[in-house]
Structures are given as structure tokens and as C-alpha cells.
PDB file of all heavy atoms in Angstrom:
ATOM      1  N   TYR A   1      27.197 -56.215 -23.996  1.00  0.00           N
ATOM      2  CA  TYR A   1      25.767 -56.501 -23.901  1.00  0.00           C
ATOM      3  C   TYR A   1      25.387 -57.694 -24.773  1.00  0.00           C
ATOM      4  O   TYR A   1      26.067 -58.028 -25.750  1.00  0.00           O
ATOM      5  CB  TYR A   1      24.954 -55.285 -24.364  1.00  0.00           C
ATOM      6  CG  TYR A   1      25.303 -54.010 -23.664  1.00  0.00           C
ATOM      7  CD1 TYR A   1      26.200 -53.103 -24.228  1.00  0.00           C
ATOM      8  CD2 TYR A   1      24.759 -53.712 -22.424  1.00  0.00           C
ATOM      9  CE1 TYR A   1      26.538 -51.935 -23.581  1.00  0.00           C
ATOM     10  CE2 TYR A   1      25.091 -52.536 -21.767  1.00  0.00           C
ATOM     11  CZ  TYR A   1      25.975 -51.661 -22.346  1.00  0.00           C
ATOM     12  OH  TYR A   1      26.306 -50.497 -21.696  1.00  0.00           O
ATOM     13  N   LEU A   2      24.274 -58.320 -24.411  1.00  0.00           N
ATOM     14  CA  LEU A   2      23.653 -59.323 -25.276  1.00  0.00           C
ATOM     15  C   LEU A   2      22.160 -59.046 -25.276  1.00  0.00           C
ATOM     16  O   LEU A   2      21.482 -59.273 -24.261  1.00  0.00           O
ATOM     17  CB  LEU A   2      23.937 -60.741 -24.794  1.00  0.00           C
ATOM     18  CG  LEU A   2      23.417 -61.844 -25.717  1.00  0.00           C
ATOM     19  CD1 LEU A   2      24.210 -61.851 -27.042  1.00  0.00           C
ATOM     20  CD2 LEU A   2      23.498 -63.220 -25.048  1.00  0.00           C
ATOM     21  N   GLN A   3      21.652 -58.515 -26.378  1.00  0.00           N
ATOM     22  CA  GLN A   3      20.224 -58.299 -26.548  1.00  0.00           C
ATOM     23  C   GLN A   3      19.622 -59.590 -27.069  1.00  0.00           C
ATOM     24  O   GLN A   3      20.009 -60.079 -28.141  1.00  0.00           O
ATOM     25  CB  GLN A   3      19.957 -57.162 -27.530  1.00  0.00           C
ATOM     26  CG  GLN A   3      18.480 -56.888 -27.781  1.00  0.00           C
ATOM     27  CD  GLN A   3      17.762 -56.391 -26.549  1.00  0.00           C
ATOM     28  OE1 GLN A   3      18.273 -55.536 -25.829  1.00  0.00           O
ATOM     29  NE2 GLN A   3      16.572 -56.921 -26.299  1.00  0.00           N
ATOM     30  N   MET A   4      18.673 -60.136 -26.317  1.00  0.00           N
ATOM     31  CA  MET A   4      18.081 -61.432 -26.629  1.00  0.00           C
ATOM     32  C   MET A   4      16.618 -61.206 -26.961  1.00  0.00           C
ATOM     33  O   MET A   4      15.827 -60.833 -26.086  1.00  0.00           O
ATOM     34  CB  MET A   4      18.225 -62.369 -25.435  1.00  0.00           C
ATOM     35  CG  MET A   4      19.650 -62.426 -24.878  1.00  0.00           C
ATOM     36  SD  MET A   4      19.762 -63.191 -23.245  1.00  0.00           S
ATOM     37  CE  MET A   4      19.348 -64.872 -23.641  1.00  0.00           C
ATOM     38  N   ASN A   5      16.242 -61.435 -28.207  1.00  0.00           N
ATOM     39  CA  ASN A   5      14.859 -61.278 -28.656  1.00  0.00           C
ATOM     40  C   ASN A   5      14.295 -62.619 -29.093  1.00  0.00           C
ATOM     41  O   ASN A   5      15.039 -63.577 -29.318  1.00  0.00           O
ATOM     42  CB  ASN A   5      14.794 -60.289 -29.819  1.00  0.00           C
ATOM     43  CG  ASN A   5      15.236 -58.891 -29.431  1.00  0.00           C
ATOM     44  OD1 ASN A   5      15.112 -58.479 -28.279  1.00  0.00           O
ATOM     45  ND2 ASN A   5      15.770 -58.156 -30.399  1.00  0.00           N
ATOM     46  N   SER A   6      12.984 -62.682 -29.230  1.00  0.00           N
ATOM     47  CA  SER A   6      12.298 -63.910 -29.675  1.00  0.00           C
ATOM     48  C   SER A   6      12.786 -65.114 -28.885  1.00  0.00           C
ATOM     49  O   SER A   6      13.125 -66.161 -29.454  1.00  0.00           O
ATOM     50  CB  SER A   6      12.524 -64.129 -31.179  1.00  0.00           C
ATOM     51  OG  SER A   6      12.067 -63.028 -31.933  1.00  0.00           O
ATOM     52  N   LEU A   7      12.807 -64.970 -27.576  1.00  0.00           N
ATOM     53  CA  LEU A   7      13.347 -66.023 -26.709  1.00  0.00           C
ATOM     54  C   LEU A   7      12.535 -67.305 -26.828  1.00  0.00           C
ATOM     55  O   LEU A   7      11.306 -67.286 -27.028  1.00  0.00           O
ATOM     56  CB  LEU A   7      13.381 -65.543 -25.268  1.00  0.00           C
ATOM     57  CG  LEU A   7      14.525 -64.573 -24.946  1.00  0.00           C
ATOM     58  CD1 LEU A   7      14.252 -63.843 -23.641  1.00  0.00           C
ATOM     59  CD2 LEU A   7      15.843 -65.312 -24.874  1.00  0.00           C
ATOM     60  N   LYS A   8      13.247 -68.419 -26.663  1.00  0.00           N
ATOM     61  CA  LYS A   8      12.650 -69.752 -26.711  1.00  0.00           C
ATOM     62  C   LYS A   8      12.974 -70.485 -25.415  1.00  0.00           C
ATOM     63  O   LYS A   8      14.005 -70.215 -24.791  1.00  0.00           O
ATOM     64  CB  LYS A   8      13.228 -70.544 -27.879  1.00  0.00           C
ATOM     65  CG  LYS A   8      13.103 -69.883 -29.233  1.00  0.00           C
ATOM     66  CD  LYS A   8      13.809 -70.708 -30.297  1.00  0.00           C
ATOM     67  CE  LYS A   8      13.710 -70.061 -31.659  1.00  0.00           C
ATOM     68  NZ  LYS A   8      14.424 -70.841 -32.703  1.00  0.00           N
ATOM     69  N   PRO A   9      12.143 -71.453 -25.031  1.00  0.00           N
ATOM     70  CA  PRO A   9      12.478 -72.253 -23.842  1.00  0.00           C
ATOM     71  C   PRO A   9      13.865 -72.899 -23.936  1.00  0.00           C
ATOM     72  O   PRO A   9      14.539 -73.054 -22.924  1.00  0.00           O
ATOM     73  CB  PRO A   9      11.359 -73.301 -23.802  1.00  0.00           C
ATOM     74  CG  PRO A   9      10.193 -72.598 -24.417  1.00  0.00           C
ATOM     75  CD  PRO A   9      10.784 -71.751 -25.529  1.00  0.00           C
ATOM     76  N   ALA A  10      14.296 -73.227 -25.144  1.00  0.00           N
ATOM     77  CA  ALA A  10      15.613 -73.834 -25.337  1.00  0.00           C
ATOM     78  C   ALA A  10      16.755 -72.884 -25.002  1.00  0.00           C
ATOM     79  O   ALA A  10      17.909 -73.311 -24.861  1.00  0.00           O
ATOM     80  CB  ALA A  10      15.767 -74.326 -26.775  1.00  0.00           C
ATOM     81  N   ASP A  11      16.461 -71.575 -24.856  1.00  0.00           N
ATOM     82  CA  ASP A  11      17.500 -70.615 -24.481  1.00  0.00           C
ATOM     83  C   ASP A  11      17.769 -70.625 -22.977  1.00  0.00           C
ATOM     84  O   ASP A  11      18.694 -69.946 -22.514  1.00  0.00           O
ATOM     85  CB  ASP A  11      17.069 -69.198 -24.895  1.00  0.00           C
ATOM     86  CG  ASP A  11      16.936 -69.037 -26.395  1.00  0.00           C
ATOM     87  OD1 ASP A  11      17.749 -69.617 -27.140  1.00  0.00           O
ATOM     88  OD2 ASP A  11      16.008 -68.321 -26.835  1.00  0.00           O
ATOM     89  N   THR A  12      16.966 -71.354 -22.216  1.00  0.00           N
ATOM     90  CA  THR A  12      17.129 -71.417 -20.761  1.00  0.00           C
ATOM     91  C   THR A  12      18.492 -71.989 -20.399  1.00  0.00           C
ATOM     92  O   THR A  12      18.847 -73.095 -20.833  1.00  0.00           O
ATOM     93  CB  THR A  12      16.017 -72.278 -20.134  1.00  0.00           C
ATOM     94  OG1 THR A  12      14.756 -71.628 -20.360  1.00  0.00           O
ATOM     95  CG2 THR A  12      16.246 -72.456 -18.648  1.00  0.00           C
ATOM     96  N   ALA A  13      19.260 -71.227 -19.613  1.00  0.00           N
ATOM     97  CA  ALA A  13      20.618 -71.633 -19.242  1.00  0.00           C
ATOM     98  C   ALA A  13      21.212 -70.554 -18.345  1.00  0.00           C
ATOM     99  O   ALA A  13      20.631 -69.480 -18.180  1.00  0.00           O
ATOM    100  CB  ALA A  13      21.496 -71.794 -20.486  1.00  0.00           C
ATOM    101  N   VAL A  14      22.386 -70.857 -17.806  1.00  0.00           N
ATOM    102  CA  VAL A  14      23.211 -69.822 -17.180  1.00  0.00           C
ATOM    103  C   VAL A  14      24.090 -69.238 -18.273  1.00  0.00           C
ATOM    104  O   VAL A  14      24.736 -69.989 -19.026  1.00  0.00           O
ATOM    105  CB  VAL A  14      24.066 -70.390 -16.041  1.00  0.00           C
ATOM    106  CG1 VAL A  14      24.967 -69.303 -15.467  1.00  0.00           C
ATOM    107  CG2 VAL A  14      23.178 -70.981 -14.950  1.00  0.00           C
ATOM    108  N   TYR A  15      24.094 -67.916 -18.372  1.00  0.00           N
ATOM    109  CA  TYR A  15      24.877 -67.212 -19.395  1.00  0.00           C
ATOM    110  C   TYR A  15      26.103 -66.593 -18.739  1.00  0.00           C
ATOM    111  O   TYR A  15      25.997 -65.918 -17.701  1.00  0.00           O
ATOM    112  CB  TYR A  15      24.021 -66.142 -20.067  1.00  0.00           C
ATOM    113  CG  TYR A  15      23.044 -66.721 -21.045  1.00  0.00           C
ATOM    114  CD1 TYR A  15      21.930 -67.432 -20.601  1.00  0.00           C
ATOM    115  CD2 TYR A  15      23.237 -66.588 -22.417  1.00  0.00           C
ATOM    116  CE1 TYR A  15      21.036 -67.997 -21.501  1.00  0.00           C
ATOM    117  CE2 TYR A  15      22.348 -67.140 -23.326  1.00  0.00           C
ATOM    118  CZ  TYR A  15      21.251 -67.846 -22.863  1.00  0.00           C
ATOM    119  OH  TYR A  15      20.362 -68.410 -23.742  1.00  0.00           O
ATOM    120  N   TYR A  16      27.256 -66.818 -19.371  1.00  0.00           N
ATOM    121  CA  TYR A  16      28.530 -66.331 -18.872  1.00  0.00           C
ATOM    122  C   TYR A  16      29.160 -65.381 -19.886  1.00  0.00           C
ATOM    123  O   TYR A  16      29.130 -65.660 -21.098  1.00  0.00           O
ATOM    124  CB  TYR A  16      29.504 -67.478 -18.643  1.00  0.00           C
ATOM    125  CG  TYR A  16      29.079 -68.476 -17.616  1.00  0.00           C
ATOM    126  CD1 TYR A  16      28.317 -69.593 -17.962  1.00  0.00           C
ATOM    127  CD2 TYR A  16      29.453 -68.338 -16.274  1.00  0.00           C
ATOM    128  CE1 TYR A  16      27.926 -70.522 -17.010  1.00  0.00           C
ATOM    129  CE2 TYR A  16      29.077 -69.263 -15.315  1.00  0.00           C
ATOM    130  CZ  TYR A  16      28.311 -70.353 -15.684  1.00  0.00           C
ATOM    131  OH  TYR A  16      27.934 -71.275 -14.741  1.00  0.00           O
ATOM    132  N   CYS A  17      29.768 -64.302 -19.397  1.00  0.00           N
ATOM    133  CA  CYS A  17      30.596 -63.507 -20.294  1.00  0.00           C
ATOM    134  C   CYS A  17      32.060 -63.877 -20.061  1.00  0.00           C
ATOM    135  O   CYS A  17      32.437 -64.339 -18.977  1.00  0.00           O
ATOM    136  CB  CYS A  17      30.372 -62.026 -20.122  1.00  0.00           C
ATOM    137  SG  CYS A  17      30.851 -61.311 -18.534  1.00  0.00           S
ATOM    138  N   ALA A  18      32.861 -63.696 -21.101  1.00  0.00           N
ATOM    139  CA  ALA A  18      34.258 -64.083 -21.062  1.00  0.00           C
ATOM    140  C   ALA A  18      35.088 -63.060 -21.820  1.00  0.00           C
ATOM    141  O   ALA A  18      34.592 -62.401 -22.743  1.00  0.00           O
ATOM    142  CB  ALA A  18      34.441 -65.467 -21.685  1.00  0.00           C
ATOM    143  N   ALA A  19      36.359 -62.944 -21.420  1.00  0.00           N
ATOM    144  CA  ALA A  19      37.257 -61.976 -22.043  1.00  0.00           C
ATOM    145  C   ALA A  19      38.612 -62.592 -22.297  1.00  0.00           C
ATOM    146  O   ALA A  19      39.074 -63.458 -21.537  1.00  0.00           O
ATOM    147  CB  ALA A  19      37.413 -60.741 -21.140  1.00  0.00           C
ATOM    148  N   LYS A  20      39.254 -62.121 -23.378  1.00  0.00           N
ATOM    149  CA  LYS A  20      40.571 -62.601 -23.745  1.00  0.00           C
ATOM    150  C   LYS A  20      41.339 -61.425 -24.347  1.00  0.00           C
ATOM    151  O   LYS A  20      40.860 -60.783 -25.283  1.00  0.00           O
ATOM    152  CB  LYS A  20      40.449 -63.711 -24.789  1.00  0.00           C
ATOM    153  CG  LYS A  20      41.744 -64.071 -25.474  1.00  0.00           C
ATOM    154  CD  LYS A  20      41.523 -65.011 -26.630  1.00  0.00           C
ATOM    155  CE  LYS A  20      42.739 -65.128 -27.528  1.00  0.00           C
ATOM    156  NZ  LYS A  20      43.932 -65.597 -26.816  1.00  0.00           N
ATOM    157  N   GLU A  21      42.524 -61.162 -23.814  1.00  0.00           N
ATOM    158  CA  GLU A  21      43.350 -60.110 -24.391  1.00  0.00           C
ATOM    159  C   GLU A  21      43.762 -60.527 -25.797  1.00  0.00           C
ATOM    160  O   GLU A  21      44.163 -61.663 -26.026  1.00  0.00           O
ATOM    161  CB  GLU A  21      44.581 -59.851 -23.520  1.00  0.00           C
ATOM    162  CG  GLU A  21      45.335 -58.593 -23.908  1.00  0.00           C
ATOM    163  CD  GLU A  21      46.375 -58.187 -22.865  1.00  0.00           C
ATOM    164  OE1 GLU A  21      46.575 -58.948 -21.897  1.00  0.00           O
ATOM    165  OE2 GLU A  21      46.970 -57.111 -23.031  1.00  0.00           O
ATOM    166  N   SER A  22      43.612 -59.606 -26.745  1.00  0.00           N
ATOM    167  CA  SER A  22      43.909 -59.948 -28.135  1.00  0.00           C
ATOM    168  C   SER A  22      44.700 -58.829 -28.796  1.00  0.00           C
ATOM    169  O   SER A  22      44.364 -57.662 -28.658  1.00  0.00           O
ATOM    170  CB  SER A  22      42.598 -60.169 -28.899  1.00  0.00           C
ATOM    171  OG  SER A  22      42.860 -60.373 -30.268  1.00  0.00           O
ATOM    172  N   PRO A  23      45.738 -59.198 -29.566  1.00  0.00           N
ATOM    173  CA  PRO A  23      46.501 -58.172 -30.282  1.00  0.00           C
ATOM    174  C   PRO A  23      45.844 -57.743 -31.587  1.00  0.00           C
ATOM    175  O   PRO A  23      46.314 -56.813 -32.250  1.00  0.00           O
ATOM    176  CB  PRO A  23      47.827 -58.874 -30.560  1.00  0.00           C
ATOM    177  CG  PRO A  23      47.448 -60.314 -30.675  1.00  0.00           C
ATOM    178  CD  PRO A  23      46.308 -60.528 -29.720  1.00  0.00           C
ATOM    179  N   TYR A  24      44.738 -58.404 -31.951  1.00  0.00           N
ATOM    180  CA  TYR A  24      44.109 -58.172 -33.245  1.00  0.00           C
ATOM    181  C   TYR A  24      42.758 -57.492 -33.079  1.00  0.00           C
ATOM    182  O   TYR A  24      41.840 -58.074 -32.502  1.00  0.00           O
ATOM    183  CB  TYR A  24      43.918 -59.497 -33.991  1.00  0.00           C
ATOM    184  CG  TYR A  24      45.180 -60.321 -34.053  1.00  0.00           C
ATOM    185  CD1 TYR A  24      45.301 -61.514 -33.352  1.00  0.00           C
ATOM    186  CD2 TYR A  24      46.270 -59.881 -34.818  1.00  0.00           C
ATOM    187  CE1 TYR A  24      46.462 -62.250 -33.407  1.00  0.00           C
ATOM    188  CE2 TYR A  24      47.435 -60.621 -34.872  1.00  0.00           C
ATOM    189  CZ  TYR A  24      47.522 -61.805 -34.152  1.00  0.00           C
ATOM    190  OH  TYR A  24      48.672 -62.534 -34.213  1.00  0.00           O
ATOM    191  N   PHE A  25      42.624 -56.285 -33.621  1.00  0.00           N
ATOM    192  CA  PHE A  25      41.416 -55.501 -33.341  1.00  0.00           C
ATOM    193  C   PHE A  25      40.166 -56.132 -33.938  1.00  0.00           C
ATOM    194  O   PHE A  25      39.066 -55.874 -33.482  1.00  0.00           O
ATOM    195  CB  PHE A  25      41.577 -54.049 -33.819  1.00  0.00           C
ATOM    196  CG  PHE A  25      41.570 -53.893 -35.314  1.00  0.00           C
ATOM    197  CD1 PHE A  25      40.379 -53.683 -35.996  1.00  0.00           C
ATOM    198  CD2 PHE A  25      42.756 -53.945 -36.036  1.00  0.00           C
ATOM    199  CE1 PHE A  25      40.359 -53.533 -37.365  1.00  0.00           C
ATOM    200  CE2 PHE A  25      42.748 -53.799 -37.417  1.00  0.00           C
ATOM    201  CZ  PHE A  25      41.559 -53.594 -38.081  1.00  0.00           C
ATOM    202  N   GLY A  26      40.313 -56.992 -34.964  1.00  0.00           N
ATOM    203  CA  GLY A  26      39.140 -57.570 -35.603  1.00  0.00           C
ATOM    204  C   GLY A  26      38.879 -59.013 -35.256  1.00  0.00           C
ATOM    205  O   GLY A  26      37.981 -59.631 -35.818  1.00  0.00           O
ATOM    206  N   ALA A  27      39.635 -59.573 -34.323  1.00  0.00           N
ATOM    207  CA  ALA A  27      39.546 -61.003 -34.045  1.00  0.00           C
ATOM    208  C   ALA A  27      38.479 -61.327 -33.007  1.00  0.00           C
ATOM    209  O   ALA A  27      38.246 -60.561 -32.074  1.00  0.00           O
ATOM    210  CB  ALA A  27      40.884 -61.531 -33.564  1.00  0.00           C
ATOM    211  N   TYR A  28      37.813 -62.470 -33.179  1.00  0.00           N
ATOM    212  CA  TYR A  28      36.941 -63.032 -32.163  1.00  0.00           C
ATOM    213  C   TYR A  28      37.274 -64.512 -32.039  1.00  0.00           C
ATOM    214  O   TYR A  28      37.950 -65.082 -32.901  1.00  0.00           O
ATOM    215  CB  TYR A  28      35.462 -62.836 -32.498  1.00  0.00           C
ATOM    216  CG  TYR A  28      35.060 -63.248 -33.897  1.00  0.00           C
ATOM    217  CD1 TYR A  28      35.007 -64.591 -34.277  1.00  0.00           C
ATOM    218  CD2 TYR A  28      34.727 -62.286 -34.848  1.00  0.00           C
ATOM    219  CE1 TYR A  28      34.643 -64.953 -35.565  1.00  0.00           C
ATOM    220  CE2 TYR A  28      34.361 -62.642 -36.122  1.00  0.00           C
ATOM    221  CZ  TYR A  28      34.315 -63.977 -36.479  1.00  0.00           C
ATOM    222  OH  TYR A  28      33.952 -64.331 -37.747  1.00  0.00           O
ATOM    223  N   TYR A  29      36.793 -65.113 -30.966  1.00  0.00           N
ATOM    224  CA  TYR A  29      37.200 -66.478 -30.623  1.00  0.00           C
ATOM    225  C   TYR A  29      35.983 -67.280 -30.193  1.00  0.00           C
ATOM    226  O   TYR A  29      35.177 -66.821 -29.395  1.00  0.00           O
ATOM    227  CB  TYR A  29      38.247 -66.446 -29.497  1.00  0.00           C
ATOM    228  CG  TYR A  29      39.437 -65.576 -29.844  1.00  0.00           C
ATOM    229  CD1 TYR A  29      39.421 -64.221 -29.567  1.00  0.00           C
ATOM    230  CD2 TYR A  29      40.565 -66.115 -30.476  1.00  0.00           C
ATOM    231  CE1 TYR A  29      40.496 -63.406 -29.912  1.00  0.00           C
ATOM    232  CE2 TYR A  29      41.632 -65.304 -30.809  1.00  0.00           C
ATOM    233  CZ  TYR A  29      41.591 -63.953 -30.533  1.00  0.00           C
ATOM    234  OH  TYR A  29      42.643 -63.159 -30.886  1.00  0.00           O
TER     235      TYR A  29
END
């Protein structure tokens, strides 16, 4: 999920989700 609050006109865009298999439980990219 992505909870988006206090939205601004500059937030206007196409939003994409993405996934990557990771061996590290705490890692982000």
C-alpha cells in the first residue's frame, strides 16, 4: 500500500509498484 496524505499538485503522475526478490529481510532498494 501507499497512503498518500496532504497531496499536492506536484504529486500528479502515474504511480508504479515494483518488486525485487531479495535475500535480505531488511533491505530496500
